PDB file of N, CA and C in Angstrom:
ATOM      1  N   MET A   1       0.860  -1.182   0.000  1.00  0.00           N
ATOM      2  CA  MET A   1       0.000   0.000   0.000  1.00  0.00           C
ATOM      3  C   MET A   1       0.899   1.235   0.000  1.00  0.00           C
ATOM      4  N   ASP A   2       0.647   2.177  -0.891  1.00  0.00           N
ATOM      5  CA  ASP A   2       1.497   3.356  -0.946  1.00  0.00           C
ATOM      6  C   ASP A   2       1.106   4.365   0.133  1.00  0.00           C
ATOM      7  N   GLU A   3       1.975   5.344   0.350  1.00  0.00           N
ATOM      8  CA  GLU A   3       1.809   6.316   1.426  1.00  0.00           C
ATOM      9  C   GLU A   3       0.534   7.142   1.279  1.00  0.00           C
ATOM     10  N   ILE A   4       0.184   7.523   0.069  1.00  0.00           N
ATOM     11  CA  ILE A   4      -1.024   8.325  -0.155  1.00  0.00           C
ATOM     12  C   ILE A   4      -2.272   7.523   0.181  1.00  0.00           C
ATOM     13  N   THR A   5      -2.312   6.256  -0.188  1.00  0.00           N
ATOM     14  CA  THR A   5      -3.462   5.414   0.126  1.00  0.00           C
ATOM     15  C   THR A   5      -3.616   5.273   1.629  1.00  0.00           C
ATOM     16  N   VAL A   6      -2.513   5.063   2.334  1.00  0.00           N
ATOM     17  CA  VAL A   6      -2.558   4.948   3.796  1.00  0.00           C
ATOM     18  C   VAL A   6      -3.055   6.245   4.408  1.00  0.00           C
ATOM     19  N   LEU A   7      -2.557   7.381   3.935  1.00  0.00           N
ATOM     20  CA  LEU A   7      -2.959   8.686   4.454  1.00  0.00           C
ATOM     21  C   LEU A   7      -4.453   8.910   4.303  1.00  0.00           C
ATOM     22  N   VAL A   8      -5.023   8.513   3.209  1.00  0.00           N
ATOM     23  CA  VAL A   8      -6.428   8.777   2.931  1.00  0.00           C
ATOM     24  C   VAL A   8      -7.350   7.760   3.610  1.00  0.00           C
ATOM     25  N   THR A   9      -6.873   6.564   3.885  1.00  0.00           N
ATOM     26  CA  THR A   9      -7.754   5.530   4.434  1.00  0.00           C
ATOM     27  C   THR A   9      -7.655   5.346   5.938  1.00  0.00           C
ATOM     28  N   TRP A  10      -6.624   5.844   6.607  1.00  0.00           N
ATOM     29  CA  TRP A  10      -6.494   5.581   8.039  1.00  0.00           C
ATOM     30  C   TRP A  10      -7.647   6.111   8.876  1.00  0.00           C
ATOM     31  N   PRO A  11      -8.259   7.269   8.564  1.00  0.00           N
ATOM     32  CA  PRO A  11      -9.386   7.691   9.414  1.00  0.00           C
ATOM     33  C   PRO A  11     -10.570   6.730   9.353  1.00  0.00           C
ATOM     34  N   ASP A  12     -10.720   6.026   8.237  1.00  0.00           N
ATOM     35  CA  ASP A  12     -11.858   5.115   8.090  1.00  0.00           C
ATOM     36  C   ASP A  12     -11.839   4.016   9.138  1.00  0.00           C
ATOM     37  N   SER A  13     -10.662   3.555   9.527  1.00  0.00           N
ATOM     38  CA  SER A  13     -10.587   2.501  10.537  1.00  0.00           C
ATOM     39  C   SER A  13     -11.059   3.006  11.897  1.00  0.00           C
ATOM     40  N   MET A  14     -10.878   4.293  12.178  1.00  0.00           N
ATOM     41  CA  MET A  14     -11.318   4.860  13.454  1.00  0.00           C
ATOM     42  C   MET A  14     -12.796   5.225  13.432  1.00  0.00           C
ATOM     43  N   LEU A  15     -13.307   5.606  12.276  1.00  0.00           N
ATOM     44  CA  LEU A  15     -14.662   6.145  12.188  1.00  0.00           C
ATOM     45  C   LEU A  15     -15.695   5.137  11.701  1.00  0.00           C
ATOM     46  N   GLY A  16     -15.263   3.959  11.306  1.00  0.00           N
ATOM     47  CA  GLY A  16     -16.148   2.982  10.693  1.00  0.00           C
ATOM     48  C   GLY A  16     -17.356   2.580  11.524  1.00  0.00           C
ATOM     49  N   ARG A  17     -17.232   2.562  12.840  1.00  0.00           N
ATOM     50  CA  ARG A  17     -18.339   2.099  13.676  1.00  0.00           C
ATOM     51  C   ARG A  17     -19.371   3.184  13.993  1.00  0.00           C
ATOM     52  N   TYR A  18     -19.098   4.394  13.564  1.00  0.00           N
ATOM     53  CA  TYR A  18     -20.002   5.515  13.843  1.00  0.00           C
ATOM     54  C   TYR A  18     -20.899   5.790  12.645  1.00  0.00           C
ATOM     55  N   GLY A  19     -22.034   6.424  12.920  1.00  0.00           N
ATOM     56  CA  GLY A  19     -22.958   6.798  11.863  1.00  0.00           C
ATOM     57  C   GLY A  19     -22.471   8.024  11.111  1.00  0.00           C
ATOM     58  N   ASP A  20     -23.369   8.630  10.368  1.00  0.00           N
ATOM     59  CA  ASP A  20     -23.017   9.794   9.556  1.00  0.00           C
ATOM     60  C   ASP A  20     -22.725  11.043  10.386  1.00  0.00           C
ATOM     61  N   MET A  21     -23.330  11.142  11.565  1.00  0.00           N
ATOM     62  CA  MET A  21     -23.133  12.301  12.440  1.00  0.00           C
ATOM     63  C   MET A  21     -22.605  11.816  13.786  1.00  0.00           C
ATOM     64  N   LEU A  22     -21.578  12.495  14.303  1.00  0.00           N
ATOM     65  CA  LEU A  22     -20.977  12.137  15.577  1.00  0.00           C
ATOM     66  C   LEU A  22     -21.223  13.244  16.589  1.00  0.00           C
ATOM     67  N   SER A  23     -21.380  12.863  17.830  1.00  0.00           N
ATOM     68  CA  SER A  23     -21.510  13.832  18.910  1.00  0.00           C
ATOM     69  C   SER A  23     -20.114  14.276  19.345  1.00  0.00           C
ATOM     70  N   VAL A  24     -20.054  15.290  20.164  1.00  0.00           N
ATOM     71  CA  VAL A  24     -18.777  15.734  20.729  1.00  0.00           C
ATOM     72  C   VAL A  24     -18.147  14.582  21.508  1.00  0.00           C
ATOM     73  N   SER A  25     -18.955  13.839  22.233  1.00  0.00           N
ATOM     74  CA  SER A  25     -18.458  12.688  22.987  1.00  0.00           C
ATOM     75  C   SER A  25     -17.855  11.632  22.066  1.00  0.00           C
ATOM     76  N   ASP A  26     -18.531  11.343  20.962  1.00  0.00           N
ATOM     77  CA  ASP A  26     -18.009  10.373  19.995  1.00  0.00           C
ATOM     78  C   ASP A  26     -16.645  10.816  19.460  1.00  0.00           C
ATOM     79  N   VAL A  27     -16.555  12.074  19.062  1.00  0.00           N
ATOM     80  CA  VAL A  27     -15.307  12.592  18.493  1.00  0.00           C
ATOM     81  C   VAL A  27     -14.204  12.590  19.548  1.00  0.00           C
ATOM     82  N   SER A  28     -14.559  12.917  20.784  1.00  0.00           N
ATOM     83  CA  SER A  28     -13.543  12.911  21.840  1.00  0.00           C
ATOM     84  C   SER A  28     -13.014  11.496  22.085  1.00  0.00           C
ATOM     85  N   HIS A  29     -13.873  10.479  21.963  1.00  0.00           N
ATOM     86  CA  HIS A  29     -13.412   9.094  22.102  1.00  0.00           C
ATOM     87  C   HIS A  29     -12.513   8.699  20.927  1.00  0.00           C
ATOM     88  N   VAL A  30     -12.902   9.065  19.728  1.00  0.00           N
ATOM     89  CA  VAL A  30     -12.116   8.722  18.535  1.00  0.00           C
ATOM     90  C   VAL A  30     -10.724   9.342  18.617  1.00  0.00           C
ATOM     91  N   LEU A  31     -10.644  10.606  19.014  1.00  0.00           N
ATOM     92  CA  LEU A  31      -9.381  11.326  19.012  1.00  0.00           C
ATOM     93  C   LEU A  31      -8.648  11.269  20.346  1.00  0.00           C
ATOM     94  N   ASN A  32      -9.288  10.665  21.355  1.00  0.00           N
ATOM     95  CA  ASN A  32      -8.707  10.573  22.693  1.00  0.00           C
ATOM     96  C   ASN A  32      -8.371  11.970  23.240  1.00  0.00           C
ATOM     97  N   LEU A  33      -9.343  12.861  23.093  1.00  0.00           N
ATOM     98  CA  LEU A  33      -9.230  14.229  23.592  1.00  0.00           C
ATOM     99  C   LEU A  33     -10.395  14.515  24.526  1.00  0.00           C
ATOM    100  N   GLU A  34     -10.252  15.529  25.343  1.00  0.00           N
ATOM    101  CA  GLU A  34     -11.340  15.965  26.209  1.00  0.00           C
ATOM    102  C   GLU A  34     -12.460  16.580  25.366  1.00  0.00           C
ATOM    103  N   PRO A  35     -13.715  16.367  25.749  1.00  0.00           N
ATOM    104  CA  PRO A  35     -14.823  16.977  25.009  1.00  0.00           C
ATOM    105  C   PRO A  35     -14.701  18.492  24.879  1.00  0.00           C
ATOM    106  N   ARG A  36     -14.154  19.156  25.896  1.00  0.00           N
ATOM    107  CA  ARG A  36     -14.013  20.620  25.819  1.00  0.00           C
ATOM    108  C   ARG A  36     -13.084  21.021  24.680  1.00  0.00           C
ATOM    109  N   ASN A  37     -12.073  20.178  24.375  1.00  0.00           N
ATOM    110  CA  ASN A  37     -11.178  20.486  23.256  1.00  0.00           C
ATOM    111  C   ASN A  37     -11.911  20.368  21.922  1.00  0.00           C
ATOM    112  N   ILE A  38     -12.816  19.410  21.821  1.00  0.00           N
ATOM    113  CA  ILE A  38     -13.613  19.270  20.595  1.00  0.00           C
ATOM    114  C   ILE A  38     -14.532  20.470  20.441  1.00  0.00           C
ATOM    115  N   ARG A  39     -15.148  20.909  21.538  1.00  0.00           N
ATOM    116  CA  ARG A  39     -16.000  22.103  21.487  1.00  0.00           C
ATOM    117  C   ARG A  39     -15.200  23.329  21.072  1.00  0.00           C
ATOM    118  N   CYS A  40     -13.949  23.424  21.524  1.00  0.00           N
ATOM    119  CA  CYS A  40     -13.084  24.543  21.099  1.00  0.00           C
ATOM    120  C   CYS A  40     -12.835  24.497  19.599  1.00  0.00           C
ATOM    121  N   LEU A  41     -12.669  23.297  19.053  1.00  0.00           N
ATOM    122  CA  LEU A  41     -12.426  23.171  17.612  1.00  0.00           C
ATOM    123  C   LEU A  41     -13.654  23.577  16.804  1.00  0.00           C
ATOM    124  N   VAL A  42     -14.853  23.190  17.236  1.00  0.00           N
ATOM    125  CA  VAL A  42     -16.047  23.521  16.447  1.00  0.00           C
ATOM    126  C   VAL A  42     -16.467  24.979  16.618  1.00  0.00           C
ATOM    127  N   THR A  43     -16.008  25.624  17.687  1.00  0.00           N
ATOM    128  CA  THR A  43     -16.354  27.035  17.898  1.00  0.00           C
ATOM    129  C   THR A  43     -15.203  27.977  17.562  1.00  0.00           C
ATOM    130  N   SER A  44     -14.108  27.427  17.080  1.00  0.00           N
ATOM    131  CA  SER A  44     -12.928  28.232  16.772  1.00  0.00           C
ATOM    132  C   SER A  44     -13.233  29.263  15.679  1.00  0.00           C
ATOM    133  N   THR A  45     -12.671  30.443  15.860  1.00  0.00           N
ATOM    134  CA  THR A  45     -12.782  31.474  14.824  1.00  0.00           C
ATOM    135  C   THR A  45     -11.562  31.465  13.913  1.00  0.00           C
ATOM    136  N   ASP A  46     -10.587  30.625  14.239  1.00  0.00           N
ATOM    137  CA  ASP A  46      -9.381  30.473  13.423  1.00  0.00           C
ATOM    138  C   ASP A  46      -9.658  29.428  12.344  1.00  0.00           C
ATOM    139  N   VAL A  47      -9.661  29.857  11.108  1.00  0.00           N
ATOM    140  CA  VAL A  47      -9.978  28.966   9.989  1.00  0.00           C
ATOM    141  C   VAL A  47      -9.026  27.769   9.942  1.00  0.00           C
ATOM    142  N   ALA A  48      -7.795  27.938  10.376  1.00  0.00           N
ATOM    143  CA  ALA A  48      -6.808  26.856  10.323  1.00  0.00           C
ATOM    144  C   ALA A  48      -7.131  25.716  11.282  1.00  0.00           C
ATOM    145  N   THR A  49      -7.838  26.001  12.371  1.00  0.00           N
ATOM    146  CA  THR A  49      -8.128  24.960  13.360  1.00  0.00           C
ATOM    147  C   THR A  49      -9.597  24.590  13.445  1.00  0.00           C
ATOM    148  N   TRP A  50     -10.452  25.310  12.754  1.00  0.00           N
ATOM    149  CA  TRP A  50     -11.895  25.114  12.858  1.00  0.00           C
ATOM    150  C   TRP A  50     -12.325  23.757  12.321  1.00  0.00           C
ATOM    151  N   LEU A  51     -13.120  23.042  13.118  1.00  0.00           N
ATOM    152  CA  LEU A  51     -13.724  21.778  12.711  1.00  0.00           C
ATOM    153  C   LEU A  51     -15.195  22.055  12.439  1.00  0.00           C
ATOM    154  N   PRO A  52     -15.664  21.841  11.221  1.00  0.00           N
ATOM    155  CA  PRO A  52     -17.067  22.121  10.912  1.00  0.00           C
ATOM    156  C   PRO A  52     -18.004  21.262  11.756  1.00  0.00           C
ATOM    157  N   GLY A  53     -18.981  21.912  12.334  1.00  0.00           N
ATOM    158  CA  GLY A  53     -19.975  21.207  13.139  1.00  0.00           C
ATOM    159  C   GLY A  53     -21.315  21.907  13.033  1.00  0.00           C
ATOM    160  N   LEU A  54     -22.336  21.220  13.472  1.00  0.00           N
ATOM    161  CA  LEU A  54     -23.703  21.737  13.430  1.00  0.00           C
ATOM    162  C   LEU A  54     -24.242  21.746  14.846  1.00  0.00           C
ATOM    163  N   LYS A  55     -24.706  22.887  15.309  1.00  0.00           N
ATOM    164  CA  LYS A  55     -25.260  22.974  16.651  1.00  0.00           C
ATOM    165  C   LYS A  55     -26.774  22.809  16.568  1.00  0.00           C
ATOM    166  N   ILE A  56     -27.259  21.821  17.278  1.00  0.00           N
ATOM    167  CA  ILE A  56     -28.693  21.553  17.345  1.00  0.00           C
ATOM    168  C   ILE A  56     -29.086  21.696  18.810  1.00  0.00           C
ATOM    169  N   GLY A  57     -29.812  22.767  19.108  1.00  0.00           N
ATOM    170  CA  GLY A  57     -30.117  23.052  20.510  1.00  0.00           C
ATOM    171  C   GLY A  57     -28.818  23.371  21.238  1.00  0.00           C
ATOM    172  N   LYS A  58     -28.519  22.582  22.269  1.00  0.00           N
ATOM    173  CA  LYS A  58     -27.280  22.779  23.021  1.00  0.00           C
ATOM    174  C   LYS A  58     -26.202  21.768  22.634  1.00  0.00           C
ATOM    175  N   SER A  59     -26.494  20.904  21.687  1.00  0.00           N
ATOM    176  CA  SER A  59     -25.569  19.838  21.319  1.00  0.00           C
ATOM    177  C   SER A  59     -24.926  20.102  19.961  1.00  0.00           C
ATOM    178  N   TRP A  60     -23.675  19.693  19.843  1.00  0.00           N
ATOM    179  CA  TRP A  60     -22.953  19.777  18.576  1.00  0.00           C
ATOM    180  C   TRP A  60     -22.950  18.424  17.903  1.00  0.00           C
ATOM    181  N   ARG A  61     -23.046  18.431  16.578  1.00  0.00           N
ATOM    182  CA  ARG A  61     -22.910  17.222  15.768  1.00  0.00           C
ATOM    183  C   ARG A  61     -21.888  17.511  14.681  1.00  0.00           C
ATOM    184  N   ILE A  62     -21.023  16.526  14.455  1.00  0.00           N
ATOM    185  CA  ILE A  62     -19.965  16.653  13.468  1.00  0.00           C
ATOM    186  C   ILE A  62     -20.171  15.556  12.430  1.00  0.00           C
ATOM    187  N   ALA A  63     -20.240  15.944  11.169  1.00  0.00           N
ATOM    188  CA  ALA A  63     -20.425  14.967  10.098  1.00  0.00           C
ATOM    189  C   ALA A  63     -19.167  14.101   9.981  1.00  0.00           C
ATOM    190  N   ARG A  64     -19.358  12.794   9.869  1.00  0.00           N
ATOM    191  CA  ARG A  64     -18.238  11.864   9.771  1.00  0.00           C
ATOM    192  C   ARG A  64     -17.326  12.227   8.592  1.00  0.00           C
ATOM    193  N   ASP A  65     -17.906  12.584   7.455  1.00  0.00           N
ATOM    194  CA  ASP A  65     -17.099  12.936   6.281  1.00  0.00           C
ATOM    195  C   ASP A  65     -16.271  14.195   6.521  1.00  0.00           C
ATOM    196  N   GLN A  66     -16.834  15.164   7.232  1.00  0.00           N
ATOM    197  CA  GLN A  66     -16.080  16.385   7.524  1.00  0.00           C
ATOM    198  C   GLN A  66     -14.976  16.116   8.544  1.00  0.00           C
ATOM    199  N   LEU A  67     -15.250  15.253   9.523  1.00  0.00           N
ATOM    200  CA  LEU A  67     -14.209  14.888  10.481  1.00  0.00           C
ATOM    201  C   LEU A  67     -13.089  14.140   9.773  1.00  0.00           C
ATOM    202  N   ARG A  68     -13.443  13.247   8.884  1.00  0.00           N
ATOM    203  CA  ARG A  68     -12.454  12.493   8.103  1.00  0.00           C
ATOM    204  C   ARG A  68     -11.567  13.455   7.309  1.00  0.00           C
ATOM    205  N   ALA A  69     -12.183  14.406   6.626  1.00  0.00           N
ATOM    206  CA  ALA A  69     -11.417  15.384   5.842  1.00  0.00           C
ATOM    207  C   ALA A  69     -10.531  16.231   6.753  1.00  0.00           C
ATOM    208  N   TYR A  70     -11.052  16.594   7.915  1.00  0.00           N
ATOM    209  CA  TYR A  70     -10.281  17.377   8.885  1.00  0.00           C
ATOM    210  C   TYR A  70      -9.052  16.597   9.344  1.00  0.00           C
ATOM    211  N   LEU A  71      -9.239  15.324   9.664  1.00  0.00           N
ATOM    212  CA  LEU A  71      -8.127  14.497  10.126  1.00  0.00           C
ATOM    213  C   LEU A  71      -7.067  14.333   9.045  1.00  0.00           C
ATOM    214  N   ILE A  72      -7.486  14.126   7.823  1.00  0.00           N
ATOM    215  CA  ILE A  72      -6.534  14.000   6.721  1.00  0.00           C
ATOM    216  C   ILE A  72      -5.785  15.314   6.520  1.00  0.00           C
ATOM    217  N   GLY A  73      -6.508  16.415   6.581  1.00  0.00           N
ATOM    218  CA  GLY A  73      -5.887  17.725   6.370  1.00  0.00           C
ATOM    219  C   GLY A  73      -4.974  18.175   7.489  1.00  0.00           C
ATOM    220  N   HIS A  74      -5.188  17.652   8.692  1.00  0.00           N
ATOM    221  CA  HIS A  74      -4.399  18.065   9.855  1.00  0.00           C
ATOM    222  C   HIS A  74      -3.587  16.912  10.437  1.00  0.00           C
ATOM    223  N   HIS A  75      -3.281  15.910   9.663  1.00  0.00           N
ATOM    224  CA  HIS A  75      -2.662  14.692  10.194  1.00  0.00           C
ATOM    225  C   HIS A  75      -1.340  14.901  10.904  1.00  0.00           C
ATOM    226  N   ASN A  76      -0.593  15.906  10.588  1.00  0.00           N
ATOM    227  CA  ASN A  76       0.665  16.192  11.293  1.00  0.00           C
ATOM    228  C   ASN A  76       0.738  17.633  11.768  1.00  0.00           C
ATOM    229  N   ASP A  77      -0.400  18.252  11.957  1.00  0.00           N
ATOM    230  CA  ASP A  77      -0.457  19.664  12.320  1.00  0.00           C
ATOM    231  C   ASP A  77      -0.788  19.783  13.810  1.00  0.00           C
ATOM    232  N   ASP A  78       0.229  19.906  14.653  1.00  0.00           N
ATOM    233  CA  ASP A  78       0.009  20.007  16.092  1.00  0.00           C
ATOM    234  C   ASP A  78      -0.755  21.260  16.475  1.00  0.00           C
ATOM    235  N   SER A  79      -0.675  22.315  15.690  1.00  0.00           N
ATOM    236  CA  SER A  79      -1.358  23.562  16.037  1.00  0.00           C
ATOM    237  C   SER A  79      -2.874  23.400  16.030  1.00  0.00           C
ATOM    238  N   ALA A  80      -3.400  22.408  15.318  1.00  0.00           N
ATOM    239  CA  ALA A  80      -4.843  22.204  15.260  1.00  0.00           C
ATOM    240  C   ALA A  80      -5.401  21.773  16.601  1.00  0.00           C
ATOM    241  N   LEU A  81      -4.577  21.183  17.454  1.00  0.00           N
ATOM    242  CA  LEU A  81      -5.064  20.692  18.741  1.00  0.00           C
ATOM    243  C   LEU A  81      -4.448  21.436  19.910  1.00  0.00           C
ATOM    244  N   SER A  82      -3.840  22.587  19.676  1.00  0.00           N
ATOM    245  CA  SER A  82      -3.281  23.365  20.772  1.00  0.00           C
ATOM    246  C   SER A  82      -4.135  24.599  20.988  1.00  0.00           C
ATOM    247  N   PHE A  83      -4.333  24.920  22.245  1.00  0.00           N
ATOM    248  CA  PHE A  83      -5.194  26.033  22.620  1.00  0.00           C
ATOM    249  C   PHE A  83      -4.445  26.918  23.601  1.00  0.00           C
ATOM    250  N   PRO A  84      -4.824  28.181  23.664  1.00  0.00           N
ATOM    251  CA  PRO A  84      -4.247  29.030  24.707  1.00  0.00           C
ATOM    252  C   PRO A  84      -4.569  28.422  26.074  1.00  0.00           C
ATOM    253  N   ASN A  85      -3.735  28.696  27.060  1.00  0.00           N
ATOM    254  CA  ASN A  85      -3.905  28.094  28.390  1.00  0.00           C
ATOM    255  C   ASN A  85      -5.287  28.307  28.984  1.00  0.00           C
ATOM    256  N   ASP A  86      -5.913  29.457  28.743  1.00  0.00           N
ATOM    257  CA  ASP A  86      -7.216  29.720  29.333  1.00  0.00           C
ATOM    258  C   ASP A  86      -8.307  28.830  28.749  1.00  0.00           C
ATOM    259  N   GLU A  87      -8.098  28.214  27.588  1.00  0.00           N
ATOM    260  CA  GLU A  87      -9.117  27.339  26.999  1.00  0.00           C
ATOM    261  C   GLU A  87      -8.914  25.880  27.392  1.00  0.00           C
ATOM    262  N   ARG A  88      -7.743  25.533  27.912  1.00  0.00           N
ATOM    263  CA  ARG A  88      -7.466  24.154  28.276  1.00  0.00           C
ATOM    264  C   ARG A  88      -7.894  23.851  29.694  1.00  0.00           C
ATOM    265  N   GLY A  89      -8.085  24.852  30.494  1.00  0.00           N
ATOM    266  CA  GLY A  89      -8.416  24.615  31.891  1.00  0.00           C
ATOM    267  C   GLY A  89      -7.163  24.586  32.724  1.00  0.00           C
ATOM    268  N   PRO A  90      -7.302  24.159  33.984  1.00  0.00           N
ATOM    269  CA  PRO A  90      -6.140  24.153  34.873  1.00  0.00           C
ATOM    270  C   PRO A  90      -5.050  23.209  34.385  1.00  0.00           C
ATOM    271  N   ALA A  91      -3.811  23.609  34.616  1.00  0.00           N
ATOM    272  CA  ALA A  91      -2.684  22.764  34.231  1.00  0.00           C
ATOM    273  C   ALA A  91      -2.623  21.552  35.138  1.00  0.00           C
ATOM    274  N   SER A  92      -2.204  20.427  34.562  1.00  0.00           N
ATOM    275  CA  SER A  92      -2.115  19.188  35.345  1.00  0.00           C
ATOM    276  C   SER A  92      -0.778  19.088  36.021  1.00  0.00           C
TER     277      SER A  92
END
């Protein structure tokens, strides 16, 4: 399998068990991140880190295809998951 094929198909192995729309909790489990970090991504005003999501009432939903595209586009971009200290909460 060539490198491009691996790059494009690896998110499918993580997202295969989910439906077309994922909750913040689902995405946090897939990415092994805190739900608050996922909420920061969907509410980000920085186009470079913004994860497209749909707010329904008080809940966010993220389309599996958009999450897949986001993961492929940010596969080695650490800045996509870094937040100013005030958004991460207390330091551990």
